[in-house]
């Protein structure tokens, strides 16, 4: 029998509104027919709508980790609210009549099977589609433009440094924003985003000394990109067929969108991985001009903390699927990793959920880092890399969660080393104010997911708790 949970159905929805609307169809009893195949692989039925005829919808689980939703409604959302409602109805235990699989579904299954057989045959014969040939002429033109853009960016940065940040006024900020637009013309999206971030720092109505400190840090980041980008592009210009850099993040800075096939080709893939999401939140990134959905996951076999990232540009946000919290274990046939060192971005295109067990919670504790000295050393090395992760996330074991005489909460490792917890500027909300509400059993022998940030204006590293885990379950502090 098919096992479905509302949490998993939520994860398939394109946005929160679709979840609400799908659940609303069940509450309003809009489904006039609910059916399932005898083996439980197919849910199908009819739902009344605004049209004269009922909408015919189905969700096919013949490949469990990759369900296929279909509906006769005109919605462009996928899955639509009718397909979601069908699954929610199943989760809530509504009665589904056993019925034969419709002929059109059988036909579509057959076509899908043939496509998969063709792919498998090509793989066995080594006749997979050949990679696209490099258009050397077009590539050289792009690289030339990118190098020219780096020169323009460098001149701007040197000009700002010579003039001094204290002399920057609204006219200078306008000039910087003009350069932001130019970076797009030079095919330098990474520089465009970070230069816009620099302009936003200077435009914020707050303490100038604090803004200048972070502005200098941002200029350092841009300068590092110019240096590394120029070295890489010059080598690429001399040899257009030079393999992409799959160890650092420079390709993403230069605007390359990694395809799953490329990640697999360079070995950045793991078979049969299991991920447990420990934290999730969304935020508005004004510098990128996008909404960002960010999840942090534990890969149980390795103990690594990975990121899933979804960018939703302002102009297209309403047409894109929102990511959301996921409260089960994701079983993945293939897990793809992006280049990077710490909290690397990951992706997957097929997933099968299962309930979290006591063994999974024990695995979280087992993978939590015991020594704060070693954990923080690794994080500091990441922070020293100007193009690295600015807010590394660590899973730490805490022998005790306590408070200082001044009332600040601290984590204490097994050797007695303390780590003070406080809210950091990068997160959309505070979490330390929620710690007093944790019951006493959550104060000892726990695992805590923390995000770190280096406060440049104060010269210190701070940590904010995101999630607390013990043998009883997972308590998320950030939403």
Protein backbone atom coordinates (compact mmCIF):
# COMPACT_ATOMS: atom_id res chain seq x y z
CA UNK A 1 0.00 0.00 0.00
CA UNK A 2 1.02 3.55 -0.73
CA UNK A 3 2.24 5.49 2.30
CA UNK A 4 1.79 9.26 2.14
CA UNK A 5 2.23 11.98 4.75
CA UNK A 6 0.96 15.54 4.62
CA UNK A 7 4.54 16.75 5.15
CA UNK A 8 5.65 15.02 1.98
CA UNK A 9 2.67 16.39 0.03
CA UNK A 10 3.56 19.87 1.32
CA UNK A 11 7.06 19.42 -0.11
CA UNK A 12 5.60 18.77 -3.59
CA UNK A 13 3.47 21.93 -3.59
CA UNK A 14 4.63 24.95 -5.65
CA UNK A 15 3.81 27.44 -2.88
CA UNK A 16 1.97 27.94 0.40
CA UNK A 17 -1.19 29.09 -1.39
CA UNK A 18 -1.35 25.81 -3.32
CA UNK A 19 -1.12 23.87 -0.03
CA UNK A 20 -3.98 25.89 1.45
CA UNK A 21 -6.11 25.55 -1.67
CA UNK A 22 -5.44 21.81 -1.96
CA UNK A 23 -6.40 21.23 1.67
CA UNK A 24 -9.42 23.50 1.15
CA UNK A 25 -10.78 21.20 -1.57
CA UNK A 26 -10.79 18.32 0.92
CA UNK A 27 -12.48 20.41 3.63
CA UNK A 28 -15.15 21.59 1.18
CA UNK A 29 -15.70 17.99 -0.01
CA UNK A 30 -15.08 19.07 -3.62
CA UNK A 31 -13.99 15.60 -4.75
CA UNK A 32 -16.91 13.79 -6.34
CA UNK A 33 -14.87 10.67 -7.05
CA UNK A 34 -11.82 9.16 -5.32
CA UNK A 35 -10.13 6.08 -6.77
CA UNK A 36 -6.92 4.13 -6.41
CA UNK A 37 -5.38 1.26 -8.33
CA UNK A 38 -5.39 -2.16 -6.70
CA UNK A 39 -1.63 -2.03 -5.97
CA UNK A 40 -1.92 1.55 -4.66
CA UNK A 41 0.53 3.05 -7.17
CA UNK A 42 -2.06 5.38 -8.70
CA UNK A 43 -4.49 7.84 -7.10
CA UNK A 44 -7.08 9.32 -9.43
CA UNK A 45 -10.48 10.96 -9.28
CA UNK A 46 -12.67 13.89 -10.18
CA UNK A 47 -13.03 17.26 -8.52
CA UNK A 48 -15.76 19.84 -9.06
CA UNK A 49 -14.50 23.24 -10.17
CA UNK A 50 -15.57 26.47 -11.81
CA UNK A 51 -16.07 24.81 -15.21
CA UNK A 52 -19.09 22.85 -16.44
CA UNK A 53 -17.23 19.54 -16.24
CA UNK A 54 -15.37 18.07 -13.31
CA UNK A 55 -11.59 18.16 -13.40
CA UNK A 56 -9.98 14.76 -13.84
CA UNK A 57 -6.80 14.48 -11.79
CA UNK A 58 -4.31 11.78 -10.90
CA UNK A 59 -0.98 11.22 -9.16
CA UNK A 60 1.09 8.28 -10.38
CA UNK A 61 3.57 6.67 -7.98
CA UNK A 62 4.74 3.92 -10.34
CA UNK A 63 8.20 5.42 -9.69
CA UNK A 64 7.78 6.16 -5.95
CA UNK A 65 10.61 8.70 -5.69
CA UNK A 66 9.33 10.65 -8.70
CA UNK A 67 5.51 10.94 -8.61
CA UNK A 68 3.79 12.32 -11.72
CA UNK A 69 0.73 14.57 -11.24
CA UNK A 70 -1.76 15.18 -14.05
CA UNK A 71 -4.97 17.21 -14.25
CA UNK A 72 -7.37 18.53 -16.89
CA UNK A 73 -7.62 21.95 -15.20
CA UNK A 74 -6.03 24.99 -16.91
CA UNK A 75 -3.70 25.80 -14.01
CA UNK A 76 -0.02 26.35 -14.81
CA UNK A 77 1.02 25.32 -11.33
CA UNK A 78 2.56 21.90 -10.92
CA UNK A 79 1.20 20.01 -9.12
CA UNK A 80 -2.10 21.89 -9.25
CA UNK A 81 -4.39 22.23 -6.23
CA UNK A 82 -6.58 19.35 -7.47
CA UNK A 83 -3.67 16.88 -7.57
CA UNK A 84 -2.51 18.12 -4.16
CA UNK A 85 -6.06 17.82 -2.80
CA UNK A 86 -6.20 14.25 -4.06
CA UNK A 87 -3.09 13.40 -2.03
CA UNK A 88 -4.29 15.27 1.05
CA UNK A 89 -7.56 13.33 0.86
CA UNK A 90 -5.55 10.09 0.91
CA UNK A 91 -3.43 11.31 3.84
CA UNK A 92 -6.59 12.12 5.83
CA UNK A 93 -7.90 8.61 5.36
CA UNK A 94 -10.82 9.34 3.04
CA UNK A 95 -12.21 6.28 1.28
CA UNK A 96 -10.72 5.56 -2.15
CA UNK A 97 -12.52 3.01 -4.32
CA UNK A 98 -10.36 0.40 -6.05
CA UNK A 99 -10.68 0.84 -9.83
CA UNK A 100 -8.79 -0.18 -13.00
CA UNK A 101 -5.99 2.12 -14.15
CA UNK A 102 -7.40 4.38 -16.92
CA UNK A 103 -6.23 3.63 -20.47
CA UNK A 104 -4.66 7.08 -20.97
CA UNK A 105 -2.50 6.57 -17.85
CA UNK A 106 -1.41 3.12 -19.07
CA UNK A 107 -0.45 4.65 -22.42
CA UNK A 108 1.58 7.43 -20.77
CA UNK A 109 3.31 4.89 -18.51
CA UNK A 110 4.26 2.82 -21.54
CA UNK A 111 5.79 5.83 -23.31
CA UNK A 112 7.72 6.78 -20.17
CA UNK A 113 9.05 3.22 -19.81
CA UNK A 114 10.26 3.25 -23.42
CA UNK A 115 12.09 6.53 -22.84
CA UNK A 116 13.81 5.10 -19.76
CA UNK A 117 14.71 1.90 -21.63
CA UNK A 118 16.28 3.98 -24.40
CA UNK A 119 18.33 5.95 -21.89
CA UNK A 120 19.47 2.77 -20.14
CA UNK A 121 20.44 1.18 -23.45
CA UNK A 122 22.43 4.26 -24.47
CA UNK A 123 24.25 4.19 -21.13
CA UNK A 124 25.11 0.49 -21.50
CA UNK A 125 26.40 0.97 -25.05
CA UNK A 126 28.32 4.08 -24.10
CA UNK A 127 26.27 6.06 -26.58
CA UNK A 128 25.00 8.77 -24.31
CA UNK A 129 24.44 12.10 -26.03
CA UNK A 130 27.78 13.68 -26.77
CA UNK A 131 28.54 16.90 -24.94
CA UNK A 132 27.97 20.04 -26.90
CA UNK A 133 31.00 21.20 -28.81
CA UNK A 134 32.56 24.37 -27.51
CA UNK A 135 31.86 27.34 -29.76
CA UNK A 136 35.37 28.72 -29.38
CA UNK A 137 34.61 31.98 -31.16
CA UNK A 138 31.60 32.80 -28.98
CA UNK A 139 33.43 31.69 -25.83
CA UNK A 140 36.42 33.91 -26.59
CA UNK A 141 34.12 36.90 -27.12
CA UNK A 142 32.43 36.24 -23.78
CA UNK A 143 35.75 35.82 -21.96
CA UNK A 144 37.08 39.02 -23.53
CA UNK A 145 33.99 40.86 -22.30
CA UNK A 146 34.35 39.37 -18.82
CA UNK A 147 38.01 40.38 -18.60
CA UNK A 148 37.09 43.87 -19.74
CA UNK A 149 34.39 43.96 -17.04
CA UNK A 150 36.93 42.95 -14.39
CA UNK A 151 39.17 45.83 -15.50
CA UNK A 152 36.25 48.27 -15.20
CA UNK A 153 35.38 46.90 -11.76
CA UNK A 154 38.98 47.13 -10.58
CA UNK A 155 39.25 50.77 -11.68
CA UNK A 156 36.08 51.59 -9.74
CA UNK A 157 37.33 49.88 -6.58
CA UNK A 158 40.74 51.57 -6.75
CA UNK A 159 39.02 54.92 -7.26
CA UNK A 160 36.84 54.39 -4.19
CA UNK A 161 39.83 53.35 -2.08
CA UNK A 162 41.93 56.34 -3.18
CA UNK A 163 39.08 58.74 -2.48
CA UNK A 164 38.26 57.14 0.88
CA UNK A 165 34.92 55.73 1.91
CA UNK A 166 34.18 58.78 4.05
CA UNK A 167 33.97 60.92 0.89
CA UNK A 168 31.30 58.73 -0.73
CA UNK A 169 28.07 60.65 -1.23
CA UNK A 170 24.80 60.06 -3.10
CA UNK A 171 26.46 60.94 -6.40
CA UNK A 172 29.12 58.26 -5.85
CA UNK A 173 26.48 55.69 -4.93
CA UNK A 174 24.68 56.55 -8.18
CA UNK A 175 27.92 55.89 -10.08
CA UNK A 176 28.33 52.56 -8.29
CA UNK A 177 24.78 51.54 -9.26
CA UNK A 178 25.54 52.42 -12.87
CA UNK A 179 28.48 50.01 -12.68
CA UNK A 180 26.13 47.39 -11.22
CA UNK A 181 24.14 47.50 -14.47
CA UNK A 182 27.35 47.32 -16.51
CA UNK A 183 28.45 44.13 -14.76
CA UNK A 184 25.41 42.41 -16.29
CA UNK A 185 26.51 43.50 -19.75
CA UNK A 186 29.94 42.05 -19.04
CA UNK A 187 28.48 38.63 -18.07
CA UNK A 188 29.59 39.00 -14.44
CA UNK A 189 26.51 38.23 -12.32
CA UNK A 190 28.56 37.45 -9.20
CA UNK A 191 30.26 40.84 -9.35
CA UNK A 192 26.92 42.49 -10.10
CA UNK A 193 25.30 41.03 -6.98
CA UNK A 194 28.21 41.82 -4.65
CA UNK A 195 28.67 45.35 -6.03
CA UNK A 196 24.97 46.00 -5.46
CA UNK A 197 25.41 44.65 -1.93
CA UNK A 198 28.25 47.16 -1.47
CA UNK A 199 26.01 50.01 -2.65
CA UNK A 200 23.24 48.93 -0.28
CA UNK A 201 25.69 48.93 2.64
CA UNK A 202 26.60 52.55 1.89
CA UNK A 203 22.95 53.55 1.51
CA UNK A 204 21.75 52.15 4.83
CA UNK A 205 20.75 54.74 7.36
CA UNK A 206 22.85 53.53 10.28
CA UNK A 207 26.13 54.10 12.07
CA UNK A 208 28.68 55.10 9.40
CA UNK A 209 31.62 53.48 11.16
CA UNK A 210 29.82 50.11 11.17
CA UNK A 211 28.79 50.49 7.51
CA UNK A 212 32.34 51.39 6.48
CA UNK A 213 33.76 48.32 8.23
CA UNK A 214 31.47 45.98 6.31
CA UNK A 215 31.94 48.00 3.11
CA UNK A 216 35.71 47.45 3.33
CA UNK A 217 35.05 43.73 3.83
CA UNK A 218 32.87 43.76 0.73
CA UNK A 219 35.58 45.52 -1.30
CA UNK A 220 38.04 42.84 -0.17
CA UNK A 221 35.61 40.19 -1.41
CA UNK A 222 35.30 41.91 -4.79
CA UNK A 223 39.06 42.35 -5.09
CA UNK A 224 39.61 38.63 -4.41
CA UNK A 225 37.08 37.81 -7.12
CA UNK A 226 38.83 40.10 -9.62
CA UNK A 227 42.18 38.47 -8.91
CA UNK A 228 40.96 34.87 -9.10
CA UNK A 229 38.54 35.56 -11.94
CA UNK A 230 41.22 37.18 -14.09
CA UNK A 231 43.65 34.29 -13.55
CA UNK A 232 41.00 31.72 -14.43
CA UNK A 233 39.61 33.59 -17.46
CA UNK A 234 43.10 34.23 -18.88
CA UNK A 235 43.85 30.51 -18.74
CA UNK A 236 40.48 29.77 -20.30
CA UNK A 237 41.12 32.28 -23.06
CA UNK A 238 44.37 30.54 -23.95
CA UNK A 239 42.71 27.11 -23.87
CA UNK A 240 38.91 27.26 -24.50
CA UNK A 241 38.62 23.53 -23.87
CA UNK A 242 40.11 23.82 -20.39
CA UNK A 243 38.00 21.80 -17.92
CA UNK A 244 35.73 23.78 -15.61
CA UNK A 245 36.97 24.41 -12.07
CA UNK A 246 34.91 21.96 -9.98
CA UNK A 247 36.77 22.51 -6.72
CA UNK A 248 36.13 26.20 -6.01
CA UNK A 249 33.11 28.50 -6.43
CA UNK A 250 34.67 30.66 -9.16
CA UNK A 251 32.47 29.19 -11.91
CA UNK A 252 29.29 30.30 -10.11
CA UNK A 253 30.77 33.74 -9.52
CA UNK A 254 31.35 33.96 -13.27
CA UNK A 255 27.75 33.03 -13.96
CA UNK A 256 27.94 29.33 -14.80
CA UNK A 257 24.80 27.39 -13.84
CA UNK A 258 25.95 23.86 -13.11
CA UNK A 259 23.84 21.15 -14.73
CA UNK A 260 23.32 17.83 -12.93
CA UNK A 261 25.01 15.96 -15.78
CA UNK A 262 28.11 18.16 -15.38
CA UNK A 263 28.29 17.52 -11.64
CA UNK A 264 27.98 13.80 -12.26
CA UNK A 265 30.71 13.91 -14.92
CA UNK A 266 33.23 15.42 -12.48
CA UNK A 267 32.30 12.97 -9.72
CA UNK A 268 30.28 15.31 -7.51
CA UNK A 269 27.51 12.78 -6.94
CA UNK A 270 26.63 10.23 -4.26
CA UNK A 271 24.36 7.24 -4.75
CA UNK A 272 21.80 6.19 -2.17
CA UNK A 273 22.21 9.17 0.16
CA UNK A 274 19.83 10.02 3.00
CA UNK A 275 19.30 13.60 4.14
CA UNK A 276 17.59 14.93 7.25
CA UNK A 277 16.62 18.60 7.16
CA UNK A 278 17.64 20.36 10.37
CA UNK A 279 16.72 23.96 9.50
CA UNK A 280 14.93 25.97 6.83
CA UNK A 281 14.08 29.61 6.23
CA UNK A 282 13.39 32.04 3.40
CA UNK A 283 14.60 35.60 3.05
CA UNK A 284 14.63 38.55 0.67
CA UNK A 285 18.10 39.15 -0.81
CA UNK A 286 17.95 42.73 -2.09
CA UNK A 287 21.45 42.50 -3.56
CA UNK A 288 20.52 39.52 -5.74
CA UNK A 289 16.99 40.92 -6.24
CA UNK A 290 15.67 37.46 -5.43
CA UNK A 291 13.86 35.59 -2.70
CA UNK A 292 16.00 32.78 -1.35
CA UNK A 293 14.76 29.49 0.14
CA UNK A 294 17.55 27.94 2.19
CA UNK A 295 17.61 24.53 3.86
CA UNK A 296 20.35 22.88 5.94
CA UNK A 297 20.54 19.09 5.85
CA UNK A 298 22.58 16.40 7.56
CA UNK A 299 23.93 13.67 5.27
CA UNK A 300 23.82 10.79 7.69
CA UNK A 301 26.54 8.65 6.11
CA UNK A 302 29.19 11.38 6.17
CA UNK A 303 28.03 13.78 8.89
CA UNK A 304 28.33 16.72 6.46
CA UNK A 305 25.94 19.66 6.70
CA UNK A 306 24.76 20.60 3.21
CA UNK A 307 22.62 23.42 1.82
CA UNK A 308 19.71 23.34 -0.59
CA UNK A 309 19.22 26.75 -2.20
CA UNK A 310 16.41 27.97 -4.39
CA UNK A 311 16.49 31.44 -5.95
CA UNK A 312 13.22 33.10 -6.96
CA UNK A 313 13.82 36.34 -8.92
CA UNK A 314 11.43 39.15 -7.99
CA UNK A 315 9.93 39.33 -11.48
CA UNK A 316 9.21 35.61 -11.70
CA UNK A 317 8.63 34.72 -8.04
CA UNK A 318 4.89 34.14 -8.35
CA UNK A 319 5.48 31.59 -11.13
CA UNK A 320 8.14 29.59 -9.27
CA UNK A 321 7.70 26.87 -6.71
CA UNK A 322 8.49 27.92 -3.14
CA UNK A 323 10.61 25.54 -1.14
CA UNK A 324 9.53 24.75 2.42
CA UNK A 325 10.41 22.92 5.62
CA UNK A 326 10.64 19.14 5.36
CA UNK A 327 10.17 16.99 8.44
CA UNK A 328 11.02 13.51 7.16
CA UNK A 329 14.13 11.74 5.90
CA UNK A 330 14.75 12.24 2.18
CA UNK A 331 15.97 9.02 0.52
CA UNK A 332 17.80 9.98 -2.66
CA UNK A 333 18.85 7.72 -5.55
CA UNK A 334 21.41 10.42 -6.48
CA UNK A 335 22.66 13.40 -4.50
CA UNK A 336 24.51 16.07 -6.54
CA UNK A 337 27.03 18.38 -4.86
CA UNK A 338 28.19 21.78 -6.09
CA UNK A 339 31.85 22.80 -5.89
CA UNK A 340 32.90 24.25 -2.54
CA UNK A 341 34.46 23.37 0.79
CA UNK A 342 31.94 23.80 3.61
CA UNK A 343 28.14 23.59 3.66
CA UNK A 344 28.23 22.90 -0.07
CA UNK A 345 25.06 23.34 -2.06
CA UNK A 346 23.33 20.09 -3.06
CA UNK A 347 20.51 19.12 -5.41
CA UNK A 348 18.45 16.07 -6.26
CA UNK A 349 15.74 15.36 -8.82
CA UNK A 350 14.18 12.26 -7.23
CA UNK A 351 13.27 11.66 -3.60
CA UNK A 352 11.40 9.13 -1.51
CA UNK A 353 10.41 10.19 2.03
CA UNK A 354 10.35 8.08 5.16
CA UNK A 355 9.50 8.84 8.76
CA UNK A 356 12.23 9.97 11.15
CA UNK A 357 13.18 7.21 13.60
CA UNK A 358 15.06 7.05 16.86
CA UNK A 359 18.07 5.77 14.91
CA UNK A 360 18.03 8.95 12.82
CA UNK A 361 18.04 11.12 15.95
CA UNK A 362 20.89 9.04 17.36
CA UNK A 363 22.78 9.61 14.09
CA UNK A 364 22.42 13.37 14.55
CA UNK A 365 24.00 13.13 17.98
CA UNK A 366 26.75 10.84 16.69
CA UNK A 367 27.62 13.26 13.88
CA UNK A 368 27.66 16.37 16.09
CA UNK A 369 31.18 17.73 16.60
CA UNK A 370 32.46 17.24 20.14
CA UNK A 371 35.37 19.67 20.17
CA UNK A 372 34.51 23.33 19.71
CA UNK A 373 38.18 24.12 19.17
CA UNK A 374 38.37 21.86 16.12
CA UNK A 375 34.94 22.86 14.80
CA UNK A 376 35.62 26.59 15.04
CA UNK A 377 39.06 26.15 13.46
CA UNK A 378 37.40 24.66 10.39
CA UNK A 379 34.84 27.48 10.27
CA UNK A 380 37.50 30.16 10.60
CA UNK A 381 39.45 28.69 7.70
CA UNK A 382 36.30 28.96 5.60
CA UNK A 383 35.79 32.57 6.67
CA UNK A 384 39.37 33.43 5.67
CA UNK A 385 38.49 32.59 2.08
CA UNK A 386 36.95 35.80 0.64
CA UNK A 387 34.92 33.75 -1.86
CA UNK A 388 33.92 31.12 0.71
CA UNK A 389 30.78 30.70 2.78
CA UNK A 390 30.20 33.88 4.83
CA UNK A 391 27.94 32.20 7.36
CA UNK A 392 29.17 28.65 8.01
CA UNK A 393 26.82 26.31 9.84
CA UNK A 394 28.02 23.68 12.32
CA UNK A 395 26.36 20.80 14.14
CA UNK A 396 27.76 20.82 17.66
CA UNK A 397 27.29 18.49 20.61
CA UNK A 398 26.61 20.28 23.88
CA UNK A 399 27.17 18.58 27.18
CA UNK A 400 25.17 21.45 28.63
CA UNK A 401 23.14 24.49 27.62
CA UNK A 402 23.52 27.08 30.34
CA UNK A 403 23.71 30.79 31.12
CA UNK A 404 26.43 33.19 32.15
CA UNK A 405 26.08 35.53 35.12
CA UNK A 406 25.08 38.19 32.63
CA UNK A 407 22.22 36.05 31.37
CA UNK A 408 23.70 35.03 28.01
CA UNK A 409 23.13 31.45 26.92
CA UNK A 410 26.19 29.28 26.26
CA UNK A 411 26.96 25.84 24.94
CA UNK A 412 29.59 23.80 26.78
CA UNK A 413 31.44 20.92 25.15
CA UNK A 414 32.75 17.81 26.91
CA UNK A 415 36.10 19.46 27.63
CA UNK A 416 34.45 22.45 29.31
CA UNK A 417 34.92 24.97 26.50
CA UNK A 418 32.10 27.52 26.22
CA UNK A 419 30.47 29.03 23.13
CA UNK A 420 28.31 32.10 23.73
CA UNK A 421 25.06 32.23 21.77
CA UNK A 422 23.56 35.43 20.40
CA UNK A 423 21.56 36.62 17.42
CA UNK A 424 23.47 37.54 14.27
CA UNK A 425 22.62 40.24 11.69
CA UNK A 426 22.43 37.87 8.71
CA UNK A 427 19.40 35.92 9.90
CA UNK A 428 15.87 37.27 9.41
CA UNK A 429 14.87 36.65 13.04
CA UNK A 430 16.35 36.08 16.45
CA UNK A 431 16.26 32.72 18.21
CA UNK A 432 18.11 33.14 21.51
CA UNK A 433 14.98 34.64 23.10
CA UNK A 434 13.26 31.26 22.58
CA UNK A 435 15.84 29.30 24.61
CA UNK A 436 14.16 30.02 27.99
CA UNK A 437 11.14 28.06 26.76
CA UNK A 438 13.11 24.83 26.28
CA UNK A 439 12.25 22.19 28.87
CA UNK A 440 15.02 21.00 31.21
CA UNK A 441 15.55 17.77 29.24
CA UNK A 442 16.72 19.90 26.33
CA UNK A 443 19.55 21.43 28.39
CA UNK A 444 21.93 18.46 28.60
CA UNK A 445 23.48 16.03 26.12
CA UNK A 446 22.01 17.72 23.04
CA UNK A 447 23.05 18.53 19.49
CA UNK A 448 22.71 22.14 18.35
CA UNK A 449 22.85 23.48 14.81
CA UNK A 450 24.44 26.94 14.87
CA UNK A 451 25.19 29.58 12.26
CA UNK A 452 28.38 31.59 12.67
CA UNK A 453 29.15 35.15 11.64
CA UNK A 454 32.26 37.28 11.99
CA UNK A 455 31.29 40.73 13.25
CA UNK A 456 33.97 42.78 11.54
CA UNK A 457 33.16 45.99 13.39
CA UNK A 458 33.64 44.19 16.73
CA UNK A 459 36.34 41.74 15.66
CA UNK A 460 34.67 38.64 17.06
CA UNK A 461 32.93 35.45 15.95
CA UNK A 462 29.38 34.84 17.17
CA UNK A 463 26.98 31.90 16.92
CA UNK A 464 23.20 31.79 16.70
CA UNK A 465 21.28 28.56 17.41
CA UNK A 466 19.01 27.33 14.63
CA UNK A 467 17.86 23.94 15.92
CA UNK A 468 18.16 21.79 19.04
CA UNK A 469 18.09 17.99 18.79
CA UNK A 470 17.97 15.25 21.41
CA UNK A 471 16.75 11.65 21.60
CA UNK A 472 13.16 12.84 21.87
CA UNK A 473 13.04 14.87 18.66
CA UNK A 474 13.99 18.03 16.80
CA UNK A 475 13.08 21.53 17.92
CA UNK A 476 13.49 24.19 15.24
CA UNK A 477 14.00 27.72 16.54
CA UNK A 478 14.11 29.46 13.16
CA UNK A 479 11.13 29.63 10.79
